Every structure is written in structure tokens, then in C-alpha cells.
């Protein structure tokens, strides 16, 4: 699930993903296109509808 937020010269992409290894893959792909890229991820435990841990990551580009 992806959310893309844009405001003036910055973009934020928020995604929920159950695979933590996708962070490395996404960062390696986006590093080709964006100079300033920060990835922050946090675990969300104890989701009521699922026993797995989700990974939330935020990709931000600032010009």
C-alpha cells in the first residue's frame, strides 16, 4: 500500500510492507533518481487483524 504526498518542492512516499528487506531494494532503486533520500522505518506490533509485524517506511525527497 503506497501513499504519495507532494508539497511544493518535496515529496513523501509512505508504504506499509510486511517484508523488511524491501527497504534495501527500494532505497537502491530510488538512489538512482534522487540525491537527498532518507528512509525511516518503524515496527508496528500487535496489529489486531494480523499476527505479523508490519514495517512502515517513509521516503522523502527535498530539493
Foldseek 3Di string as FASTA:
>chain_A
DWDWDDDDQKIKIKDKALDPVVVVVVVVVCVVPAVDWDKDWDWDADDPVDHGIIIMIMIMGGD
